[in-house]
């Protein structure tokens, strides 16, 4: 379909422009994968948030978190243990949230209207989010709703708010890569390939916490304006 082609072209453009901006930033590090032939756009920014800012968002998460919801997609998605964290959408217009939201959008050069509300997530001991993609699987029933709410997800931005005593890594199994939580660190990746198509290599999981509690905030961006 012509619209699908145009949407892929738009996603490819967003990927190029955000990648160029992040590559040029002196404090952003691009993570290299020498054994993967397909180009990956995964970045990290150490100390993106100050400890006090992280503590403020942790308090908000603790106040409003409820059992995390799950998009139904693919084998295993109906398992009760697939996503066992607690989460909440933070108040988009709270000054502390808006400041972080604007900082993420500014860093990436993405119009804030393309961004979903910042979501806070809490993982206690044993809680996890099994391997999944952040992009939408267009053969699933939920896609008919999501395609009219801004369309496909392009980039993911995740900030680690603390460091649990054990576990809680963000793992990309097809890349043989794990990121240990570090307070204030921002992890960013493009869910699309350079051609604007979903990148299956970006399968990732929130591994079980083995000691302490893990807190993160995640922001997803859409191809169009999120509504």
Protein backbone atom coordinates (compact mmCIF):
# COMPACT_ATOMS: atom_id res chain seq x y z
CA UNK A 1 0.00 0.00 0.00
CA UNK A 2 1.16 3.54 -0.77
CA UNK A 3 0.42 4.70 2.79
CA UNK A 4 2.58 1.91 4.23
CA UNK A 5 5.45 2.93 1.97
CA UNK A 6 5.11 6.56 2.99
CA UNK A 7 4.98 5.62 6.65
CA UNK A 8 8.15 3.55 6.33
CA UNK A 9 9.86 6.44 4.58
CA UNK A 10 8.83 8.77 7.40
CA UNK A 11 10.12 6.32 10.02
CA UNK A 12 13.40 6.03 8.13
CA UNK A 13 13.70 9.82 8.05
CA UNK A 14 13.05 10.08 11.80
CA UNK A 15 15.66 7.40 12.41
CA UNK A 16 18.31 9.23 10.35
CA UNK A 17 17.65 12.63 11.89
CA UNK A 18 17.61 11.43 15.49
CA UNK A 19 20.67 9.27 14.90
CA UNK A 20 22.60 12.18 13.41
CA UNK A 21 21.72 14.38 16.39
CA UNK A 22 22.73 11.76 18.95
CA UNK A 23 25.94 10.89 17.08
CA UNK A 24 26.94 14.56 17.24
CA UNK A 25 26.31 14.96 20.97
CA UNK A 26 29.54 14.92 23.03
CA UNK A 27 28.01 13.11 26.02
CA UNK A 28 26.06 10.47 24.12
CA UNK A 29 27.78 7.15 23.41
CA UNK A 30 26.73 4.92 20.53
CA UNK A 31 26.95 1.25 21.44
CA UNK A 32 28.72 -0.83 18.80
CA UNK A 33 27.94 -4.45 17.91
CA UNK A 34 30.80 -5.80 15.83
CA UNK A 35 29.22 -9.23 15.38
CA UNK A 36 25.91 -7.87 14.01
CA UNK A 37 25.91 -6.98 10.33
CA UNK A 38 22.68 -4.97 10.50
CA UNK A 39 23.32 -1.37 11.70
CA UNK A 40 21.97 -0.77 15.22
CA UNK A 41 21.04 2.60 16.66
CA UNK A 42 21.45 2.15 20.42
CA UNK A 43 22.85 4.91 22.62
CA UNK A 44 23.49 5.68 26.27
CA UNK A 45 23.94 8.93 28.16
CA UNK A 46 25.48 8.63 31.63
CA UNK A 47 24.11 10.93 34.37
CA UNK A 48 21.32 12.24 32.17
CA UNK A 49 19.24 12.82 35.32
CA UNK A 50 20.51 13.98 38.70
CA UNK A 51 19.95 11.73 41.76
CA UNK A 52 17.44 14.21 43.22
CA UNK A 53 15.41 14.20 40.01
CA UNK A 54 15.40 10.40 40.04
CA UNK A 55 14.20 10.37 43.65
CA UNK A 56 11.32 12.73 42.79
CA UNK A 57 10.08 10.41 40.03
CA UNK A 58 10.46 7.34 42.24
CA UNK A 59 8.10 8.92 44.77
CA UNK A 60 5.57 9.56 42.00
CA UNK A 61 5.79 5.97 40.82
CA UNK A 62 5.30 4.61 44.34
CA UNK A 63 2.22 6.81 44.78
CA UNK A 64 0.39 5.68 41.63
CA UNK A 65 1.79 2.35 40.40
CA UNK A 66 -0.62 -0.46 39.53
CA UNK A 67 -0.02 -3.87 37.87
CA UNK A 68 1.46 -3.31 34.40
CA UNK A 69 -0.69 -3.84 31.33
CA UNK A 70 0.39 -5.83 28.30
CA UNK A 71 -0.25 -5.57 24.57
CA UNK A 72 -1.38 -9.00 23.42
CA UNK A 73 1.00 -10.10 20.70
CA UNK A 74 2.47 -13.45 19.84
CA UNK A 75 3.03 -16.71 21.63
CA UNK A 76 3.38 -16.43 25.36
CA UNK A 77 1.79 -13.00 25.67
CA UNK A 78 -1.08 -14.44 27.70
CA UNK A 79 1.15 -15.88 30.36
CA UNK A 80 0.52 -14.35 33.75
CA UNK A 81 4.26 -14.04 34.38
CA UNK A 82 5.16 -12.30 31.11
CA UNK A 83 5.09 -8.77 32.57
CA UNK A 84 4.90 -8.68 36.35
CA UNK A 85 6.07 -5.16 37.18
CA UNK A 86 3.98 -2.26 38.45
CA UNK A 87 3.68 0.91 36.38
CA UNK A 88 1.86 4.21 35.91
CA UNK A 89 1.63 7.06 33.47
CA UNK A 90 3.16 10.08 35.15
CA UNK A 91 1.36 13.41 35.24
CA UNK A 92 2.47 14.87 31.91
CA UNK A 93 2.04 18.46 33.12
CA UNK A 94 3.73 18.13 36.51
CA UNK A 95 6.73 20.50 36.42
CA UNK A 96 9.22 17.77 37.35
CA UNK A 97 7.88 15.40 34.69
CA UNK A 98 7.59 18.11 32.04
CA UNK A 99 11.21 19.14 32.62
CA UNK A 100 12.49 15.60 32.03
CA UNK A 101 10.13 15.05 29.11
CA UNK A 102 11.32 18.25 27.42
CA UNK A 103 14.94 17.31 28.04
CA UNK A 104 14.50 13.93 26.34
CA UNK A 105 12.68 15.44 23.36
CA UNK A 106 15.30 18.18 23.04
CA UNK A 107 18.19 15.74 23.17
CA UNK A 108 16.66 13.59 20.43
CA UNK A 109 15.24 16.44 18.36
CA UNK A 110 11.77 14.91 18.25
CA UNK A 111 8.60 17.00 18.38
CA UNK A 112 7.05 16.41 21.81
CA UNK A 113 3.70 15.78 20.13
CA UNK A 114 5.09 12.49 18.82
CA UNK A 115 5.86 11.28 22.35
CA UNK A 116 3.67 9.15 24.56
CA UNK A 117 3.25 10.10 28.21
CA UNK A 118 6.28 9.22 30.32
CA UNK A 119 5.62 5.88 32.02
CA UNK A 120 7.11 4.92 35.37
CA UNK A 121 7.83 1.26 36.17
CA UNK A 122 8.73 -0.53 39.40
CA UNK A 123 10.20 -4.04 39.65
CA UNK A 124 10.36 -5.81 43.02
CA UNK A 125 12.31 -9.02 43.63
CA UNK A 126 11.32 -11.65 41.06
CA UNK A 127 9.41 -9.22 38.83
CA UNK A 128 10.29 -8.98 35.16
CA UNK A 129 9.21 -8.15 31.63
CA UNK A 130 10.03 -11.05 29.34
CA UNK A 131 11.57 -10.57 25.90
CA UNK A 132 9.39 -8.36 23.68
CA UNK A 133 9.52 -5.66 21.02
CA UNK A 134 8.47 -2.08 21.68
CA UNK A 135 7.22 -1.66 18.12
CA UNK A 136 3.69 -2.70 17.30
CA UNK A 137 3.05 -5.97 15.51
CA UNK A 138 0.69 -4.90 12.74
CA UNK A 139 -0.90 -8.36 12.44
CA UNK A 140 -2.33 -8.09 15.96
CA UNK A 141 -5.86 -6.82 16.77
CA UNK A 142 -4.59 -3.89 18.86
CA UNK A 143 -2.94 -2.34 15.78
CA UNK A 144 -6.23 -1.07 14.37
CA UNK A 145 -6.51 1.18 17.43
CA UNK A 146 -2.84 2.16 17.67
CA UNK A 147 -2.45 3.05 14.00
CA UNK A 148 -4.93 5.89 14.60
CA UNK A 149 -3.13 7.11 17.75
CA UNK A 150 0.09 8.15 16.10
CA UNK A 151 0.96 4.94 14.33
CA UNK A 152 4.09 2.85 14.74
CA UNK A 153 6.56 3.42 17.56
CA UNK A 154 9.90 4.73 16.37
CA UNK A 155 12.31 5.39 19.27
CA UNK A 156 12.40 4.28 22.90
CA UNK A 157 14.05 6.36 25.64
CA UNK A 158 14.52 4.71 29.07
CA UNK A 159 16.02 6.24 32.20
CA UNK A 160 17.22 4.09 35.10
CA UNK A 161 16.22 5.85 38.31
CA UNK A 162 18.18 3.66 40.71
CA UNK A 163 20.40 0.59 41.01
CA UNK A 164 18.82 -2.52 42.53
CA UNK A 165 21.10 -4.70 44.63
CA UNK A 166 20.85 -7.51 42.10
CA UNK A 167 19.45 -8.30 38.65
CA UNK A 168 17.16 -6.03 36.66
CA UNK A 169 19.34 -5.78 33.56
CA UNK A 170 17.85 -4.63 30.28
CA UNK A 171 18.90 -7.43 27.95
CA UNK A 172 18.92 -7.62 24.15
CA UNK A 173 19.31 -11.39 23.64
CA UNK A 174 19.79 -11.28 19.87
CA UNK A 175 22.64 -8.80 20.35
CA UNK A 176 24.17 -10.66 23.32
CA UNK A 177 24.02 -7.38 25.22
CA UNK A 178 22.95 -6.53 28.77
CA UNK A 179 22.78 -3.04 30.31
CA UNK A 180 23.15 -2.88 34.07
CA UNK A 181 20.96 -0.24 35.74
CA UNK A 182 22.88 2.91 36.65
CA UNK A 183 21.18 5.77 38.43
CA UNK A 184 20.33 8.59 36.03
CA UNK A 185 21.52 6.81 32.87
CA UNK A 186 19.48 7.19 29.69
CA UNK A 187 19.30 4.29 27.24
CA UNK A 188 17.93 5.08 23.77
CA UNK A 189 17.25 2.86 20.78
CA UNK A 190 15.51 2.99 17.42
CA UNK A 191 12.89 0.26 17.12
CA UNK A 192 13.06 0.56 13.33
CA UNK A 193 15.81 -0.39 10.93
CA UNK A 194 17.40 2.21 8.66
CA UNK A 195 14.77 1.33 6.04
CA UNK A 196 11.90 2.24 8.37
CA UNK A 197 10.83 -1.35 8.93
CA UNK A 198 10.58 -2.94 12.41
CA UNK A 199 13.95 -4.21 13.58
CA UNK A 200 13.56 -7.70 15.09
CA UNK A 201 17.04 -7.51 16.63
CA UNK A 202 15.65 -5.03 19.16
CA UNK A 203 13.94 -7.79 21.10
CA UNK A 204 14.64 -6.99 24.76
CA UNK A 205 13.67 -7.91 28.29
CA UNK A 206 13.63 -6.44 31.76
CA UNK A 207 15.35 -9.26 33.62
CA UNK A 208 14.10 -10.37 37.05
CA UNK A 209 15.29 -8.33 40.00
CA UNK A 210 17.12 -10.59 42.47
CA UNK A 211 17.64 -8.08 45.30
CA UNK A 212 16.17 -4.66 46.05
CA UNK A 213 13.79 -2.74 43.79
CA UNK A 214 14.32 -1.35 40.31
CA UNK A 215 12.74 1.87 39.04
CA UNK A 216 12.75 3.20 35.48
CA UNK A 217 10.85 5.66 33.32
CA UNK A 218 10.21 4.99 29.66
CA UNK A 219 9.13 7.26 26.83
CA UNK A 220 8.01 5.91 23.46
CA UNK A 221 7.80 7.99 20.32
CA UNK A 222 5.40 7.50 17.42
CA UNK A 223 5.67 8.04 13.68
CA UNK A 224 2.95 10.70 13.86
CA UNK A 225 1.44 12.81 16.60
CA UNK A 226 0.35 10.70 19.58
CA UNK A 227 -3.29 11.18 20.59
